[in-house]
Amino acid sequence: MTIRPIRELGDPVLRTPADEVRSFDKELAALVRDLEDTVADPGRAGVAAPQIGVGLRAFSYNVDGRIGHVVNPRIVELSEETQDGDEGCLSIPGLWAPTVRAMHAVVEGFDVHGEPVRLEGTGLMARALQHEVDHLDGKVFLDRLTGDARKAALRALRDRG
């Protein structure tokens, strides 16, 4: 079991769009194992490859006791209904802010063997899917904040040095 260290805000890998996975090989299998081992740590809903320093489009999730992964994910559907709950990020420890996300999301991609997968979720799973795809696009949840929530979050980051 390999739990990889999480890269924190300020590391350029978190702000760089990840590359498509082109080879479904033993290196990808090792990355997916590491992602799933890393997300299995208690309190973690998702981990994207850039968060462990790998610039490839893959993430793992751990929601409601279900652990899995998606390679080369694309969001293909978002509900118009939204949720506005506190969101945090392993790469920005200790900071939580009200973040608007779609209540339901559908992602399509591939498994570690290159077989097509479709994953959909509501509530926390929808939030995790959107959050992890953002990581693969070089974004963090702070980029989704607006108004007073954004000001408060950025102030909290500045204040902690």
C-alpha atoms as a PDB file:
ATOM      1  CA  MET A   1       0.000   0.000   0.000  1.00  0.00           C
ATOM      2  CA  THR A   2       1.397   3.374  -1.050  1.00  0.00           C
ATOM      3  CA  ILE A   3      -0.113   6.556   0.324  1.00  0.00           C
ATOM      4  CA  ARG A   4       1.528   9.393  -1.580  1.00  0.00           C
ATOM      5  CA  PRO A   5       2.145  12.858  -0.090  1.00  0.00           C
ATOM      6  CA  ILE A   6      -0.302  15.552  -1.190  1.00  0.00           C
ATOM      7  CA  ARG A   7       1.062  18.591  -3.030  1.00  0.00           C
ATOM      8  CA  GLU A   8      -0.117  21.892  -1.578  1.00  0.00           C
ATOM      9  CA  LEU A   9      -1.207  25.176  -3.127  1.00  0.00           C
ATOM     10  CA  GLY A  10       1.861  26.942  -4.508  1.00  0.00           C
ATOM     11  CA  ASP A  11       3.146  23.794  -6.242  1.00  0.00           C
ATOM     12  CA  PRO A  12       2.979  24.525 -10.008  1.00  0.00           C
ATOM     13  CA  VAL A  13       1.633  21.026 -10.792  1.00  0.00           C
ATOM     14  CA  LEU A  14      -1.692  22.088  -9.235  1.00  0.00           C
ATOM     15  CA  ARG A  15      -2.068  24.987 -11.680  1.00  0.00           C
ATOM     16  CA  THR A  16      -0.993  23.103 -14.813  1.00  0.00           C
ATOM     17  CA  PRO A  17      -3.645  21.327 -16.921  1.00  0.00           C
ATOM     18  CA  ALA A  18      -2.931  17.583 -16.836  1.00  0.00           C
ATOM     19  CA  ASP A  19      -2.085  15.613 -19.975  1.00  0.00           C
ATOM     20  CA  GLU A  20      -4.361  12.947 -21.433  1.00  0.00           C
ATOM     21  CA  VAL A  21      -3.353   9.395 -20.587  1.00  0.00           C
ATOM     22  CA  ARG A  22      -2.224   7.736 -23.823  1.00  0.00           C
ATOM     23  CA  SER A  23      -0.860   4.403 -22.564  1.00  0.00           C
ATOM     24  CA  PHE A  24      -2.912   2.028 -20.465  1.00  0.00           C
ATOM     25  CA  ASP A  25       0.167   0.219 -19.197  1.00  0.00           C
ATOM     26  CA  LYS A  26       1.819  -0.934 -15.982  1.00  0.00           C
ATOM     27  CA  GLU A  27       2.876   2.644 -15.128  1.00  0.00           C
ATOM     28  CA  LEU A  28      -0.762   3.743 -15.267  1.00  0.00           C
ATOM     29  CA  ALA A  29      -1.772   0.711 -13.184  1.00  0.00           C
ATOM     30  CA  ALA A  30       0.789   1.745 -10.526  1.00  0.00           C
ATOM     31  CA  LEU A  31      -0.500   5.352 -10.572  1.00  0.00           C
ATOM     32  CA  VAL A  32      -4.116   4.201 -10.157  1.00  0.00           C
ATOM     33  CA  ARG A  33      -3.125   1.903  -7.260  1.00  0.00           C
ATOM     34  CA  ASP A  34      -1.353   4.823  -5.576  1.00  0.00           C
ATOM     35  CA  LEU A  35      -4.358   7.125  -6.146  1.00  0.00           C
ATOM     36  CA  GLU A  36      -6.754   4.573  -4.658  1.00  0.00           C
ATOM     37  CA  ASP A  37      -4.440   3.864  -1.706  1.00  0.00           C
ATOM     38  CA  THR A  38      -4.060   7.605  -1.091  1.00  0.00           C
ATOM     39  CA  VAL A  39      -7.805   8.352  -1.265  1.00  0.00           C
ATOM     40  CA  ALA A  40      -8.571   5.449   1.113  1.00  0.00           C
ATOM     41  CA  ASP A  41      -7.121   7.474   4.016  1.00  0.00           C
ATOM     42  CA  PRO A  42     -10.052   8.495   6.270  1.00  0.00           C
ATOM     43  CA  GLY A  43     -11.710  11.809   5.470  1.00  0.00           C
ATOM     44  CA  ARG A  44     -10.748  11.878   1.806  1.00  0.00           C
ATOM     45  CA  ALA A  45     -13.417  12.048  -0.927  1.00  0.00           C
ATOM     46  CA  GLY A  46     -11.102  12.349  -3.922  1.00  0.00           C
ATOM     47  CA  VAL A  47      -7.501  12.673  -5.073  1.00  0.00           C
ATOM     48  CA  ALA A  48      -6.403  13.797  -8.539  1.00  0.00           C
ATOM     49  CA  ALA A  49      -3.071  12.738 -10.034  1.00  0.00           C
ATOM     50  CA  PRO A  50      -1.667  16.319  -9.940  1.00  0.00           C
ATOM     51  CA  GLN A  51      -2.224  16.328  -6.174  1.00  0.00           C
ATOM     52  CA  ILE A  52       0.381  13.572  -5.888  1.00  0.00           C
ATOM     53  CA  GLY A  53       2.692  15.297  -8.369  1.00  0.00           C
ATOM     54  CA  VAL A  54       1.677  13.484 -11.580  1.00  0.00           C
ATOM     55  CA  GLY A  55       0.443  15.613 -14.481  1.00  0.00           C
ATOM     56  CA  LEU A  56      -1.921  13.025 -15.976  1.00  0.00           C
ATOM     57  CA  ARG A  57      -5.726  13.060 -16.272  1.00  0.00           C
ATOM     58  CA  ALA A  58      -6.719  10.501 -13.643  1.00  0.00           C
ATOM     59  CA  PHE A  59      -8.397  10.676 -10.256  1.00  0.00           C
ATOM     60  CA  SER A  60      -9.667   8.416  -7.509  1.00  0.00           C
ATOM     61  CA  TYR A  61     -12.738   8.830  -5.336  1.00  0.00           C
ATOM     62  CA  ASN A  62     -13.918   7.546  -1.964  1.00  0.00           C
ATOM     63  CA  VAL A  63     -17.568   8.368  -1.370  1.00  0.00           C
ATOM     64  CA  ASP A  64     -19.994   6.400   0.793  1.00  0.00           C
ATOM     65  CA  GLY A  65     -17.494   3.561   1.166  1.00  0.00           C
ATOM     66  CA  ARG A  66     -17.072   3.216  -2.593  1.00  0.00           C
ATOM     67  CA  ILE A  67     -13.512   3.626  -3.888  1.00  0.00           C
ATOM     68  CA  GLY A  68     -12.715   3.826  -7.585  1.00  0.00           C
ATOM     69  CA  HIS A  69     -10.990   5.786 -10.309  1.00  0.00           C
ATOM     70  CA  VAL A  70     -11.519   7.415 -13.694  1.00  0.00           C
ATOM     71  CA  VAL A  71      -8.874   7.982 -16.372  1.00  0.00           C
ATOM     72  CA  ASN A  72      -9.286  10.813 -18.906  1.00  0.00           C
ATOM     73  CA  PRO A  73     -12.589  11.935 -17.348  1.00  0.00           C
ATOM     74  CA  ARG A  74     -14.915  14.396 -19.023  1.00  0.00           C
ATOM     75  CA  ILE A  75     -17.951  15.943 -17.388  1.00  0.00           C
ATOM     76  CA  VAL A  76     -20.791  15.172 -19.778  1.00  0.00           C
ATOM     77  CA  GLU A  77     -23.724  16.337 -17.684  1.00  0.00           C
ATOM     78  CA  LEU A  78     -24.387  18.772 -14.836  1.00  0.00           C
ATOM     79  CA  SER A  79     -27.785  19.428 -13.317  1.00  0.00           C
ATOM     80  CA  GLU A  80     -29.207  22.912 -13.214  1.00  0.00           C
ATOM     81  CA  GLU A  81     -30.032  22.304  -9.560  1.00  0.00           C
ATOM     82  CA  THR A  82     -27.114  23.379  -7.371  1.00  0.00           C
ATOM     83  CA  GLN A  83     -25.723  22.714  -3.934  1.00  0.00           C
ATOM     84  CA  ASP A  84     -23.934  25.347  -1.856  1.00  0.00           C
ATOM     85  CA  GLY A  85     -22.031  23.658   0.930  1.00  0.00           C
ATOM     86  CA  ASP A  86     -18.628  24.035   2.487  1.00  0.00           C
ATOM     87  CA  GLU A  87     -15.877  22.542   0.358  1.00  0.00           C
ATOM     88  CA  GLY A  88     -12.269  21.899   1.242  1.00  0.00           C
ATOM     89  CA  CYS A  89      -9.224  20.485  -0.490  1.00  0.00           C
ATOM     90  CA  LEU A  90      -6.364  18.266   0.604  1.00  0.00           C
ATOM     91  CA  SER A  91      -4.034  20.652  -1.251  1.00  0.00           C
ATOM     92  CA  ILE A  92      -5.284  23.605   0.825  1.00  0.00           C
ATOM     93  CA  PRO A  93      -5.421  22.050   4.301  1.00  0.00           C
ATOM     94  CA  GLY A  94      -7.630  23.617   6.940  1.00  0.00           C
ATOM     95  CA  LEU A  95      -9.531  25.933   4.611  1.00  0.00           C
ATOM     96  CA  TRP A  96     -13.228  25.397   3.932  1.00  0.00           C
ATOM     97  CA  ALA A  97     -15.545  27.733   2.027  1.00  0.00           C
ATOM     98  CA  PRO A  98     -19.113  27.678   0.687  1.00  0.00           C
ATOM     99  CA  THR A  99     -18.756  26.528  -2.921  1.00  0.00           C
ATOM    100  CA  VAL A 100     -21.580  26.271  -5.443  1.00  0.00           C
ATOM    101  CA  ARG A 101     -21.584  23.045  -7.468  1.00  0.00           C
ATOM    102  CA  ALA A 102     -24.145  21.177  -9.537  1.00  0.00           C
ATOM    103  CA  MET A 103     -26.241  18.822  -7.405  1.00  0.00           C
ATOM    104  CA  HIS A 104     -25.841  15.989  -9.953  1.00  0.00           C
ATOM    105  CA  ALA A 105     -22.901  15.251 -12.252  1.00  0.00           C
ATOM    106  CA  VAL A 106     -22.035  12.623 -14.851  1.00  0.00           C
ATOM    107  CA  VAL A 107     -18.452  11.832 -15.853  1.00  0.00           C
ATOM    108  CA  GLU A 108     -17.311   9.577 -18.668  1.00  0.00           C
ATOM    109  CA  GLY A 109     -13.813   8.219 -19.088  1.00  0.00           C
ATOM    110  CA  PHE A 110     -11.953   4.945 -18.842  1.00  0.00           C
ATOM    111  CA  ASP A 111     -10.808   2.461 -16.261  1.00  0.00           C
ATOM    112  CA  VAL A 112      -7.196   1.401 -15.793  1.00  0.00           C
ATOM    113  CA  HIS A 113      -7.562  -1.160 -18.610  1.00  0.00           C
ATOM    114  CA  GLY A 114      -8.918   1.358 -21.137  1.00  0.00           C
ATOM    115  CA  GLU A 115     -12.524   0.175 -20.838  1.00  0.00           C
ATOM    116  CA  PRO A 116     -15.169   2.918 -20.975  1.00  0.00           C
ATOM    117  CA  VAL A 117     -16.754   3.964 -17.668  1.00  0.00           C
ATOM    118  CA  ARG A 118     -19.616   6.275 -16.826  1.00  0.00           C
ATOM    119  CA  LEU A 119     -19.895   7.532 -13.278  1.00  0.00           C
ATOM    120  CA  GLU A 120     -22.715   9.629 -11.939  1.00  0.00           C
ATOM    121  CA  GLY A 121     -23.498  11.005  -8.565  1.00  0.00           C
ATOM    122  CA  THR A 122     -25.593  13.361  -6.519  1.00  0.00           C
ATOM    123  CA  GLY A 123     -24.605  15.455  -3.525  1.00  0.00           C
ATOM    124  CA  LEU A 124     -21.128  14.609  -2.222  1.00  0.00           C
ATOM    125  CA  MET A 125     -20.297  12.359  -5.195  1.00  0.00           C
ATOM    126  CA  ALA A 126     -21.278  15.115  -7.651  1.00  0.00           C
ATOM    127  CA  ARG A 127     -19.157  17.590  -5.699  1.00  0.00           C
ATOM    128  CA  ALA A 128     -16.181  15.202  -5.698  1.00  0.00           C
ATOM    129  CA  LEU A 129     -16.439  14.543  -9.445  1.00  0.00           C
ATOM    130  CA  GLN A 130     -16.501  18.262 -10.252  1.00  0.00           C
ATOM    131  CA  HIS A 131     -13.717  19.036  -7.766  1.00  0.00           C
ATOM    132  CA  GLU A 132     -11.372  16.360  -9.152  1.00  0.00           C
ATOM    133  CA  VAL A 133     -11.979  17.276 -12.811  1.00  0.00           C
ATOM    134  CA  ASP A 134     -11.173  20.880 -11.863  1.00  0.00           C
ATOM    135  CA  HIS A 135      -7.808  19.662 -10.516  1.00  0.00           C
ATOM    136  CA  LEU A 136      -7.104  18.000 -13.872  1.00  0.00           C
ATOM    137  CA  ASP A 137      -7.823  21.335 -15.569  1.00  0.00           C
ATOM    138  CA  GLY A 138      -5.329  23.162 -13.311  1.00  0.00           C
ATOM    139  CA  LYS A 139      -7.995  24.680 -11.046  1.00  0.00           C
ATOM    140  CA  VAL A 140      -8.657  24.559  -7.304  1.00  0.00           C
ATOM    141  CA  PHE A 141     -11.961  25.154  -5.537  1.00  0.00           C
ATOM    142  CA  LEU A 142     -10.883  28.705  -4.626  1.00  0.00           C
ATOM    143  CA  ASP A 143     -11.269  29.552  -8.318  1.00  0.00           C
ATOM    144  CA  ARG A 144     -15.006  28.786  -8.014  1.00  0.00           C
ATOM    145  CA  LEU A 145     -15.570  31.224  -5.137  1.00  0.00           C
ATOM    146  CA  THR A 146     -17.122  34.628  -5.661  1.00  0.00           C
ATOM    147  CA  GLY A 147     -17.942  37.703  -3.621  1.00  0.00           C
ATOM    148  CA  ASP A 148     -17.553  37.620   0.145  1.00  0.00           C
ATOM    149  CA  ALA A 149     -16.735  33.887   0.204  1.00  0.00           C
ATOM    150  CA  ARG A 150     -13.752  34.481  -2.103  1.00  0.00           C
ATOM    151  CA  LYS A 151     -12.563  37.515  -0.125  1.00  0.00           C
ATOM    152  CA  ALA A 152     -12.795  35.602   3.174  1.00  0.00           C
ATOM    153  CA  ALA A 153     -10.962  32.551   1.805  1.00  0.00           C
ATOM    154  CA  LEU A 154      -8.144  34.604   0.268  1.00  0.00           C
ATOM    155  CA  ARG A 155      -7.836  36.631   3.492  1.00  0.00           C
ATOM    156  CA  ALA A 156      -7.589  33.399   5.504  1.00  0.00           C
ATOM    157  CA  LEU A 157      -4.822  32.158   3.181  1.00  0.00           C
ATOM    158  CA  ARG A 158      -2.904  35.438   3.528  1.00  0.00           C
ATOM    159  CA  ASP A 159      -3.298  35.493   7.319  1.00  0.00           C
ATOM    160  CA  ARG A 160      -1.816  32.052   7.795  1.00  0.00           C
ATOM    161  CA  GLY A 161       1.286  33.094   5.899  1.00  0.00           C
END
